[in-house]
Amino acid sequence: MLLTKGTLENYILAFAVLLFEGGLARASFVGQARFRDASRLRHQAERLAAEMERNSREDHLTALLNRRGLEHAIDQFENTDGPFVAMLIDLDGFKSVNDTYGHRTGDELLARIARRIEEEAPEGSTLARIGGDEFVLVFSSLRTSPSPSNLASNLISKLARPYPGVASVRIGASIGIYSAKNPGLTEMLLRADIALYTAKRRGRNEFCLFDAELDRELQRRHSIERDLHSAIKTRSLGPWFQPIVRLDTEAVIGFEGLLRWSHPIHGSISPPEIMTAARETGMLQLLTQAVFSECCAFIDALVKADCRDVRVAMNVSPRELEAGDIDEMVLNGLAAKDLPATMFEIEITEESPVDPDRVDEKLGRLSHAGISIALDDFGTGFSTLASLKDSRIRKVKIDQGFIRALAKSREDRLLVKTVIDLGRTLGIEVMAEGVETEADRQTLHKLGCKTAQGFMFSKAVPLSQALGLAVKERQEL
């Protein structure tokens, strides 16, 4: 319409309008393209997020659910009729597959094992792999046939059948079973794990149902874990000291710190139970520091009583050495109190370390400082003949399993004599633990053993009584 006017101004204005409308049209096209791109990207992001979510719930090795996926699946059980059964399946002998055939074969075998479990799993059940060789099967027992016990037997039988390609290794399975009215994964796995541990104690290819007796054991464990911190802080839990004596004169030459705790409800708690509770509650470092502090107090009292030739020993597992800074704690603690390192001894228990090089480095620092390093429970676990080649080892303690009834066992006498002779040849002190009878004491003395400890000489006693034994020994010299 503007063009019909024929004036220059109208031509310019018309041109401007055309440019404006073209811009609007272009903006519309660009906007639509951008909208389409944004929609496409949003849909791609949603698909990617959904895929990542699925992947985060899946064990890619076996195509089963992982721990996170199992948690999500259990949440969906709320609308399902119970009771519910959780089976914790732990493979026996699987580590040998990795050691013998390599991890690739081990991974392939895990996938085959997963398929075997799936074949036996009840309809509607949920199966997950939650650890290296641990599987969890959860299902409603109302809809299941056979019974949980029969199902466990069938699974064990099926998993124990030979696997082509790994014929030289026998795979088995232990199973812990827990039944609950409501599906709560943490509770179910905790109780199934206790049942599994009980099954493993019975041997390979066993299953166990969580029952009232195991429930009492669980409540006891919770009680011990709950009261542990207070017991450490109030020093109602700590080391008592058992004398180490010369076999010829029964003179006291040292002491070993042994954990003692009389629980107000459960009575005497064994050292392994205490250590397990400390690990489970994250208080192992606090417990170790408390034990070391008590050992330092004993050494200080011995120094003041002029008993500098008496040594105090503390048990430390290789796992503790590996994970913590025990070497720093010991060296700094002795230096701060100006205590002689030669009066302190570290007894390495039988637990095998994950990183031997790291443990060796720390043992080297302790040994170089003058601290005696002893192998505890010699003849079992970590303490092997190869350990005797380590120049830092100054003492081995023959496990009490070889000492009890030594006078009546020819085989044990031969073994003990061999260790004593090896120690003498290598310049390593050999002592016996668990001596309880005069007959065993005399036998050890005849075999050439110089030192020992055990109930025959004394049980572990509190620090004040232990100091009294050392001082009395000094006065009688």
Protein backbone atom coordinates (compact mmCIF):
# COMPACT_ATOMS: atom_id res chain seq x y z
CA MET A 1 0.00 0.00 0.00
CA LEU A 2 2.90 2.25 0.76
CA LEU A 3 4.35 1.58 -2.70
CA THR A 4 1.19 2.99 -4.40
CA LYS A 5 1.86 6.41 -2.88
CA GLY A 6 4.91 6.74 -5.12
CA THR A 7 6.95 9.04 -2.89
CA LEU A 8 10.58 8.41 -1.81
CA GLU A 9 9.65 8.43 1.82
CA ASN A 10 7.04 5.77 1.21
CA TYR A 11 9.52 3.60 -0.72
CA ILE A 12 12.00 3.82 2.15
CA LEU A 13 9.33 3.05 4.72
CA ALA A 14 8.06 0.08 2.67
CA PHE A 15 11.59 -1.25 2.41
CA ALA A 16 11.99 -0.95 6.17
CA VAL A 17 8.74 -2.82 6.73
CA LEU A 18 9.91 -5.60 4.40
CA LEU A 19 13.20 -5.86 6.28
CA PHE A 20 11.32 -5.99 9.59
CA GLU A 21 8.95 -8.71 8.37
CA GLY A 22 11.89 -10.66 6.93
CA GLY A 23 13.65 -10.39 10.28
CA LEU A 24 10.55 -11.64 12.03
CA ALA A 25 10.28 -14.54 9.62
CA ARG A 26 13.99 -15.37 10.03
CA ALA A 27 13.73 -15.12 13.81
CA SER A 28 10.76 -17.46 13.70
CA PHE A 29 12.66 -20.00 11.62
CA VAL A 30 15.74 -19.72 13.83
CA GLY A 31 13.60 -19.99 16.96
CA GLN A 32 11.89 -23.08 15.63
CA ALA A 33 15.26 -24.63 14.73
CA ARG A 34 16.65 -23.80 18.13
CA PHE A 35 13.54 -25.19 19.78
CA ARG A 36 13.90 -28.40 17.81
CA ASP A 37 17.60 -28.58 18.74
CA ALA A 38 16.83 -27.89 22.40
CA SER A 39 14.11 -30.54 22.40
CA ARG A 40 16.42 -33.01 20.72
CA LEU A 41 19.20 -32.28 23.23
CA ARG A 42 16.76 -32.51 26.14
CA HIS A 43 15.48 -35.88 24.94
CA GLN A 44 19.07 -37.06 24.43
CA ALA A 45 19.98 -35.90 27.94
CA GLU A 46 16.93 -37.65 29.37
CA ARG A 47 17.80 -40.86 27.54
CA LEU A 48 21.43 -40.57 28.68
CA ALA A 49 20.35 -39.93 32.28
CA ALA A 50 18.00 -42.91 32.15
CA GLU A 51 20.77 -45.09 30.70
CA MET A 52 23.24 -43.91 33.35
CA GLU A 53 20.65 -44.64 36.02
CA ARG A 54 20.16 -48.16 34.67
CA ASN A 55 23.93 -48.67 34.43
CA SER A 56 24.42 -47.46 38.00
CA ARG A 57 22.10 -50.25 39.16
CA GLU A 58 23.60 -53.04 37.08
CA ASP A 59 26.59 -55.30 37.59
CA HIS A 60 28.10 -55.31 34.10
CA LEU A 61 30.10 -58.47 34.69
CA THR A 62 27.08 -60.71 35.35
CA ALA A 63 24.21 -58.53 34.02
CA LEU A 64 22.60 -58.82 37.47
CA LEU A 65 21.65 -55.98 39.78
CA ASN A 66 24.39 -54.46 41.93
CA ARG A 67 23.97 -53.26 45.52
CA ARG A 68 22.30 -50.00 44.44
CA GLY A 69 20.00 -51.83 42.05
CA LEU A 70 19.07 -54.28 44.80
CA GLU A 71 18.16 -51.42 47.13
CA HIS A 72 15.86 -49.97 44.46
CA ALA A 73 14.30 -53.38 43.78
CA ILE A 74 13.65 -54.00 47.48
CA ASP A 75 11.76 -50.70 47.67
CA GLN A 76 9.32 -52.11 45.11
CA PHE A 77 8.58 -55.07 47.39
CA GLU A 78 6.40 -52.91 49.66
CA ASN A 79 3.27 -53.89 47.75
CA THR A 80 4.21 -57.59 47.78
CA ASP A 81 2.94 -60.05 50.36
CA GLY A 82 5.57 -61.34 52.78
CA PRO A 83 7.29 -62.85 54.61
CA PHE A 84 10.44 -62.26 52.60
CA VAL A 85 13.56 -64.38 52.42
CA ALA A 86 17.10 -63.12 51.81
CA MET A 87 19.79 -65.61 50.85
CA LEU A 88 23.38 -64.43 51.03
CA ILE A 89 25.46 -66.71 48.80
CA ASP A 90 29.24 -66.66 49.22
CA LEU A 91 31.45 -68.75 46.95
CA ASP A 92 34.01 -71.13 48.47
CA GLY A 93 37.31 -71.60 46.66
CA PHE A 94 36.76 -68.85 44.11
CA LYS A 95 40.01 -67.03 44.94
CA SER A 96 41.92 -70.08 43.68
CA VAL A 97 40.39 -69.56 40.24
CA ASN A 98 41.88 -66.07 39.95
CA ASP A 99 45.20 -67.28 41.34
CA THR A 100 45.37 -70.31 39.03
CA TYR A 101 43.70 -69.17 35.81
CA GLY A 102 43.75 -65.37 36.00
CA HIS A 103 41.09 -62.72 36.55
CA ARG A 104 39.64 -62.94 33.05
CA THR A 105 38.72 -66.59 33.57
CA GLY A 106 37.45 -65.68 37.04
CA ASP A 107 35.18 -63.00 35.57
CA GLU A 108 33.80 -65.41 32.98
CA LEU A 109 33.17 -67.99 35.70
CA LEU A 110 31.23 -65.46 37.80
CA ALA A 111 28.88 -64.89 34.86
CA ARG A 112 28.35 -68.66 34.51
CA ILE A 113 27.70 -68.97 38.23
CA ALA A 114 25.15 -66.15 38.00
CA ARG A 115 23.28 -68.08 35.30
CA ARG A 116 23.22 -71.23 37.47
CA ILE A 117 21.72 -69.29 40.36
CA GLU A 118 19.14 -67.72 38.04
CA GLU A 119 18.10 -71.17 36.87
CA GLU A 120 17.26 -72.19 40.44
CA ALA A 121 15.85 -68.83 41.56
CA PRO A 122 12.08 -68.77 42.28
CA GLU A 123 9.78 -66.92 39.91
CA GLY A 124 9.49 -63.26 40.84
CA SER A 125 12.68 -63.27 42.88
CA THR A 126 15.42 -60.65 42.72
CA LEU A 127 19.07 -61.63 42.27
CA ALA A 128 22.04 -59.32 42.71
CA ARG A 129 25.82 -59.49 42.93
CA ILE A 130 26.95 -57.24 45.79
CA GLY A 131 30.61 -58.17 46.14
CA GLY A 132 33.49 -59.96 44.48
CA ASP A 133 31.99 -63.43 44.91
CA GLU A 134 28.85 -62.63 46.92
CA PHE A 135 25.30 -62.88 45.58
CA VAL A 136 21.96 -62.03 47.17
CA LEU A 137 18.66 -63.70 46.32
CA VAL A 138 15.48 -62.07 47.69
CA PHE A 139 11.95 -63.41 47.25
CA SER A 140 8.53 -63.71 48.85
CA SER A 141 8.28 -67.05 50.62
CA LEU A 142 4.50 -67.21 50.12
CA ARG A 143 4.98 -67.65 46.39
CA THR A 144 7.93 -70.02 46.61
CA SER A 145 8.33 -73.72 46.29
CA PRO A 146 10.53 -75.47 47.45
CA SER A 147 11.20 -74.25 51.01
CA PRO A 148 14.18 -71.94 51.65
CA SER A 149 16.16 -74.86 53.10
CA ASN A 150 15.53 -77.07 50.08
CA LEU A 151 16.26 -74.20 47.73
CA ALA A 152 19.58 -73.58 49.51
CA SER A 153 20.46 -77.27 49.22
CA ASN A 154 19.62 -77.21 45.49
CA LEU A 155 21.74 -74.09 44.94
CA ILE A 156 24.73 -75.53 46.78
CA SER A 157 24.49 -78.76 44.80
CA LYS A 158 24.21 -76.93 41.48
CA LEU A 159 27.05 -74.50 42.18
CA ALA A 160 29.34 -77.33 43.30
CA ARG A 161 29.11 -79.11 39.92
CA PRO A 162 32.30 -78.94 37.81
CA TYR A 163 32.87 -75.99 35.49
CA PRO A 164 34.49 -76.74 32.12
CA GLY A 165 37.85 -75.01 31.83
CA VAL A 166 38.56 -74.79 35.56
CA ALA A 167 38.54 -78.48 36.41
CA SER A 168 41.48 -78.27 38.79
CA VAL A 169 39.62 -75.93 41.18
CA ARG A 170 36.55 -77.00 43.11
CA ILE A 171 33.98 -74.26 43.61
CA GLY A 172 31.48 -74.45 46.45
CA ALA A 173 29.05 -72.12 48.17
CA SER A 174 27.98 -71.22 51.68
CA ILE A 175 24.57 -69.64 52.23
CA GLY A 176 23.09 -67.57 55.05
CA ILE A 177 19.29 -67.32 55.15
CA TYR A 178 17.07 -64.77 56.89
CA SER A 179 13.27 -64.47 56.81
CA ALA A 180 11.52 -61.21 57.65
CA LYS A 181 7.94 -59.91 57.62
CA ASN A 182 8.98 -56.65 55.99
CA PRO A 183 11.62 -56.13 53.29
CA GLY A 184 14.44 -54.03 54.77
CA LEU A 185 17.72 -54.62 52.95
CA THR A 186 20.14 -53.52 55.68
CA GLU A 187 18.43 -55.63 58.33
CA MET A 188 18.07 -58.64 56.04
CA LEU A 189 21.69 -58.58 54.88
CA LEU A 190 23.03 -58.11 58.42
CA ARG A 191 21.22 -61.16 59.72
CA ALA A 192 21.85 -63.23 56.60
CA ASP A 193 25.55 -62.40 56.98
CA ILE A 194 25.58 -63.70 60.55
CA ALA A 195 23.92 -66.91 59.36
CA LEU A 196 26.47 -67.13 56.52
CA TYR A 197 29.38 -66.80 58.96
CA THR A 198 27.90 -69.61 61.04
CA ALA A 199 27.54 -71.77 57.92
CA LYS A 200 31.18 -71.15 56.98
CA ARG A 201 32.34 -72.25 60.42
CA ARG A 202 30.71 -75.60 59.74
CA GLY A 203 32.74 -76.10 56.56
CA ARG A 204 32.24 -75.81 52.81
CA ASN A 205 28.89 -76.21 51.03
CA GLU A 206 26.76 -75.51 54.10
CA PHE A 207 23.76 -73.27 54.75
CA CYS A 208 22.36 -71.82 57.96
CA LEU A 209 19.07 -70.13 58.86
CA PHE A 210 19.11 -67.11 61.15
CA ASP A 211 17.27 -68.26 64.29
CA ALA A 212 16.65 -67.20 67.88
CA GLU A 213 20.11 -68.32 68.99
CA LEU A 214 21.80 -66.26 66.29
CA ASP A 215 19.53 -63.34 67.17
CA ARG A 216 20.82 -63.49 70.75
CA GLU A 217 24.36 -63.51 69.37
CA LEU A 218 23.53 -60.45 67.27
CA GLN A 219 22.09 -58.59 70.27
CA ARG A 220 25.21 -59.49 72.23
CA ARG A 221 27.41 -58.14 69.46
CA HIS A 222 25.41 -54.90 69.32
CA SER A 223 25.72 -54.54 73.08
CA ILE A 224 29.49 -55.05 72.95
CA GLU A 225 29.90 -52.57 70.09
CA ARG A 226 27.69 -50.02 71.86
CA ASP A 227 29.68 -50.20 75.13
CA LEU A 228 33.16 -50.44 73.58
CA HIS A 229 33.99 -46.74 73.47
CA SER A 230 33.02 -46.16 77.08
CA ALA A 231 35.02 -49.22 78.18
CA ILE A 232 38.16 -47.92 76.45
CA LYS A 233 37.75 -44.42 77.88
CA THR A 234 37.11 -45.62 81.44
CA ARG A 235 39.94 -48.17 81.13
CA SER A 236 37.66 -51.04 82.11
CA LEU A 237 38.95 -52.54 78.86
CA GLY A 238 42.69 -52.74 78.43
CA PRO A 239 45.76 -54.95 78.63
CA TRP A 240 46.59 -57.23 81.51
CA PHE A 241 50.10 -58.62 81.53
CA GLN A 242 51.10 -62.30 81.48
CA PRO A 243 54.65 -63.11 82.63
CA ILE A 244 57.22 -64.70 80.33
CA VAL A 245 59.67 -66.86 82.27
CA ARG A 246 62.91 -68.79 81.91
CA LEU A 247 62.16 -72.50 81.89
CA ASP A 248 65.16 -73.46 84.00
CA THR A 249 64.64 -70.98 86.87
CA GLU A 250 61.11 -69.65 86.18
CA ALA A 251 62.55 -66.15 86.54
CA VAL A 252 60.32 -63.46 85.00
CA ILE A 253 62.05 -61.90 81.98
CA GLY A 254 59.12 -60.19 80.27
CA PHE A 255 55.38 -59.69 79.93
CA GLU A 256 52.83 -59.87 77.13
CA GLY A 257 49.92 -57.43 77.12
CA LEU A 258 46.64 -59.32 76.62
CA LEU A 259 43.27 -57.61 76.19
CA ARG A 260 40.84 -58.09 79.05
CA TRP A 261 37.27 -56.79 79.40
CA SER A 262 34.65 -57.90 81.89
CA HIS A 263 31.39 -56.64 80.37
CA PRO A 264 28.72 -55.72 82.94
CA ILE A 265 26.12 -57.91 81.18
CA HIS A 266 28.01 -60.46 79.10
CA GLY A 267 30.97 -61.11 81.38
CA SER A 268 34.43 -61.80 79.98
CA ILE A 269 34.80 -60.77 76.32
CA SER A 270 37.52 -62.59 74.36
CA PRO A 271 40.32 -60.60 72.66
CA PRO A 272 39.21 -61.67 69.13
CA GLU A 273 35.68 -60.41 69.89
CA ILE A 274 37.06 -57.13 71.17
CA MET A 275 39.21 -56.65 68.06
CA THR A 276 36.30 -57.49 65.75
CA ALA A 277 34.04 -55.00 67.53
CA ALA A 278 36.75 -52.33 67.33
CA ARG A 279 37.11 -52.85 63.58
CA GLU A 280 33.35 -52.80 63.00
CA THR A 281 32.89 -49.57 64.96
CA GLY A 282 35.97 -47.79 63.63
CA MET A 283 37.61 -47.74 67.06
CA LEU A 284 40.60 -49.94 66.33
CA GLN A 285 43.02 -47.01 66.33
CA LEU A 286 41.62 -45.73 69.64
CA LEU A 287 41.97 -49.22 71.15
CA THR A 288 45.53 -49.60 69.86
CA GLN A 289 46.52 -46.22 71.31
CA ALA A 290 45.00 -47.15 74.67
CA VAL A 291 46.88 -50.47 74.78
CA PHE A 292 50.16 -48.84 73.78
CA SER A 293 49.70 -46.13 76.41
CA GLU A 294 49.23 -48.80 79.09
CA CYS A 295 52.34 -50.65 77.87
CA CYS A 296 54.32 -47.40 78.10
CA ALA A 297 53.04 -46.86 81.64
CA PHE A 298 54.24 -50.35 82.54
CA ILE A 299 57.68 -49.81 80.98
CA ASP A 300 57.98 -46.50 82.83
CA ALA A 301 57.16 -48.23 86.13
CA LEU A 302 59.70 -50.98 85.37
CA VAL A 303 62.40 -48.38 84.65
CA LYS A 304 61.70 -46.61 87.93
CA ALA A 305 61.86 -49.99 89.72
CA ASP A 306 65.28 -50.64 88.10
CA CYS A 307 63.92 -53.58 86.08
CA ARG A 308 65.36 -52.49 82.73
CA ASP A 309 66.06 -56.05 81.60
CA VAL A 310 62.32 -56.86 81.50
CA ARG A 311 60.58 -56.50 78.13
CA VAL A 312 56.91 -55.64 77.49
CA ALA A 313 55.21 -57.06 74.38
CA MET A 314 52.17 -55.78 72.50
CA ASN A 315 50.21 -57.67 69.84
CA VAL A 316 49.77 -55.98 66.47
CA SER A 317 48.25 -57.51 63.36
CA PRO A 318 49.87 -56.90 59.94
CA ARG A 319 46.57 -55.32 58.83
CA GLU A 320 46.87 -52.74 61.62
CA LEU A 321 50.47 -52.04 60.67
CA GLU A 322 49.50 -51.69 57.04
CA ALA A 323 46.50 -49.41 57.50
CA GLY A 324 47.59 -47.13 60.34
CA ASP A 325 50.61 -45.21 61.56
CA ILE A 326 51.52 -47.56 64.39
CA ASP A 327 55.23 -47.17 63.71
CA GLU A 328 54.92 -43.40 64.19
CA MET A 329 52.79 -43.86 67.32
CA VAL A 330 55.30 -46.26 68.87
CA LEU A 331 58.48 -44.37 68.01
CA ASN A 332 57.08 -40.96 68.93
CA GLY A 333 55.40 -42.31 72.06
CA LEU A 334 58.56 -43.94 73.41
CA ALA A 335 60.65 -40.87 72.59
CA ALA A 336 58.18 -38.48 74.23
CA LYS A 337 58.30 -40.45 77.48
CA ASP A 338 62.06 -41.07 77.18
CA LEU A 339 61.53 -44.85 77.40
CA PRO A 340 64.11 -47.35 76.08
CA ALA A 341 63.00 -48.96 72.82
CA THR A 342 64.81 -52.15 73.82
CA MET A 343 62.21 -52.73 76.54
CA PHE A 344 59.37 -52.82 74.00
CA GLU A 345 58.41 -55.70 71.73
CA ILE A 346 55.95 -55.98 68.84
CA GLU A 347 54.32 -59.39 68.39
CA ILE A 348 53.04 -59.85 64.83
CA THR A 349 49.92 -61.99 64.79
CA GLU A 350 48.95 -64.51 62.13
CA GLU A 351 46.70 -62.32 59.96
CA SER A 352 48.14 -61.95 56.46
CA PRO A 353 48.74 -58.39 55.18
CA VAL A 354 47.37 -57.09 51.88
CA ASP A 355 50.46 -55.00 51.15
CA PRO A 356 53.53 -56.84 52.55
CA ASP A 357 55.94 -54.16 51.27
CA ARG A 358 54.24 -51.48 53.34
CA VAL A 359 54.31 -53.70 56.43
CA ASP A 360 57.98 -54.56 55.84
CA GLU A 361 58.88 -50.86 55.64
CA LYS A 362 57.26 -50.15 59.00
CA LEU A 363 58.76 -53.21 60.66
CA GLY A 364 62.15 -52.04 59.39
CA ARG A 365 61.74 -48.66 61.10
CA LEU A 366 60.71 -50.29 64.38
CA SER A 367 63.51 -52.86 64.30
CA HIS A 368 66.12 -50.23 63.43
CA ALA A 369 65.06 -48.27 66.51
CA GLY A 370 65.87 -51.28 68.71
CA ILE A 371 62.35 -52.63 69.17
CA SER A 372 62.18 -56.43 69.22
CA ILE A 373 60.00 -58.04 66.54
CA ALA A 374 58.45 -61.42 67.40
CA LEU A 375 56.33 -63.80 65.34
CA ASP A 376 53.31 -64.91 67.31
CA ASP A 377 51.49 -68.24 66.84
CA PHE A 378 54.42 -69.68 64.90
CA GLY A 379 53.43 -72.60 62.71
CA THR A 380 50.07 -71.14 61.66
CA GLY A 381 48.84 -68.48 59.23
CA PHE A 382 51.21 -65.56 58.63
CA SER A 383 54.04 -67.11 60.61
CA THR A 384 55.77 -69.51 58.22
CA LEU A 385 59.27 -70.93 57.82
CA ALA A 386 60.01 -68.32 55.16
CA SER A 387 59.55 -65.65 57.85
CA LEU A 388 62.67 -66.91 59.65
CA LYS A 389 64.86 -65.56 56.85
CA ASP A 390 63.90 -62.01 57.87
CA SER A 391 66.85 -60.66 59.84
CA ARG A 392 64.57 -58.32 61.79
CA ILE A 393 62.77 -61.24 63.47
CA ARG A 394 64.36 -61.77 66.86
CA LYS A 395 61.86 -64.16 68.42
CA VAL A 396 59.29 -66.77 67.43
CA LYS A 397 56.52 -67.98 69.72
CA ILE A 398 55.49 -71.58 69.10
CA ASP A 399 51.71 -71.76 68.92
CA GLN A 400 50.02 -73.28 71.97
CA GLY A 401 48.38 -75.88 69.74
CA PHE A 402 51.77 -77.61 69.51
CA ILE A 403 52.51 -77.19 73.25
CA ARG A 404 49.44 -78.52 75.01
CA ALA A 405 49.90 -82.23 75.73
CA LEU A 406 53.40 -81.98 74.21
CA ALA A 407 54.68 -84.68 76.58
CA LYS A 408 52.15 -87.13 75.10
CA SER A 409 52.62 -86.35 71.40
CA ARG A 410 55.71 -87.60 69.57
CA GLU A 411 54.76 -85.68 66.43
CA ASP A 412 54.47 -82.37 68.30
CA ARG A 413 57.81 -83.00 70.05
CA LEU A 414 59.51 -83.54 66.69
CA LEU A 415 58.01 -80.35 65.27
CA VAL A 416 58.89 -78.27 68.33
CA LYS A 417 62.44 -79.67 68.40
CA THR A 418 62.88 -78.74 64.72
CA VAL A 419 61.78 -75.15 65.35
CA ILE A 420 64.06 -74.85 68.40
CA ASP A 421 67.04 -76.15 66.42
CA LEU A 422 66.28 -73.78 63.52
CA GLY A 423 66.08 -70.86 65.92
CA ARG A 424 69.38 -71.73 67.51
CA THR A 425 71.05 -72.01 64.09
CA LEU A 426 69.64 -68.67 62.92
CA GLY A 427 70.23 -66.86 66.21
CA ILE A 428 66.51 -66.38 66.88
CA GLU A 429 64.99 -66.75 70.34
CA VAL A 430 62.33 -69.48 70.49
CA MET A 431 59.71 -69.47 73.23
CA ALA A 432 56.57 -71.53 73.87
CA GLU A 433 53.13 -70.25 74.76
CA GLY A 434 50.28 -72.07 76.46
CA VAL A 435 52.34 -74.14 78.94
CA GLU A 436 49.91 -75.56 81.49
CA THR A 437 51.49 -78.71 82.98
CA GLU A 438 54.76 -79.64 84.63
CA ALA A 439 55.18 -82.52 82.16
CA ASP A 440 55.03 -80.10 79.21
CA ARG A 441 57.43 -77.69 80.95
CA GLN A 442 59.99 -80.43 81.50
CA THR A 443 59.60 -81.69 77.95
CA LEU A 444 60.20 -78.20 76.53
CA HIS A 445 63.27 -77.76 78.74
CA LYS A 446 64.71 -81.08 77.56
CA LEU A 447 64.10 -80.10 73.93
CA GLY A 448 66.20 -76.97 74.45
CA CYS A 449 63.50 -74.32 74.75
CA LYS A 450 64.66 -71.47 77.00
CA THR A 451 61.54 -69.36 77.67
CA ALA A 452 57.79 -69.81 77.92
CA GLN A 453 54.50 -68.44 79.19
CA GLY A 454 51.26 -70.06 80.28
CA PHE A 455 48.83 -70.66 83.12
CA MET A 456 51.32 -72.94 84.83
CA PHE A 457 53.44 -69.91 85.66
CA SER A 458 50.78 -67.21 85.86
CA LYS A 459 47.65 -65.95 84.18
CA ALA A 460 47.51 -62.37 82.89
CA VAL A 461 47.23 -59.87 85.76
CA PRO A 462 46.63 -56.10 86.05
CA LEU A 463 49.59 -53.74 85.71
CA SER A 464 50.09 -53.24 89.44
CA GLN A 465 50.29 -56.99 90.10
CA ALA A 466 52.57 -57.53 87.11
CA LEU A 467 54.90 -54.83 88.42
CA GLY A 468 54.88 -56.55 91.80
CA LEU A 469 55.98 -59.83 90.18
CA ALA A 470 58.86 -58.09 88.40
CA VAL A 471 60.00 -56.23 91.53
CA LYS A 472 59.77 -59.38 93.65
CA GLU A 473 61.92 -61.17 91.09
CA ARG A 474 64.49 -58.38 91.28
CA GLN A 475 64.57 -58.48 95.10
CA GLU A 476 65.14 -62.24 95.15
CA LEU A 477 68.19 -62.03 92.89
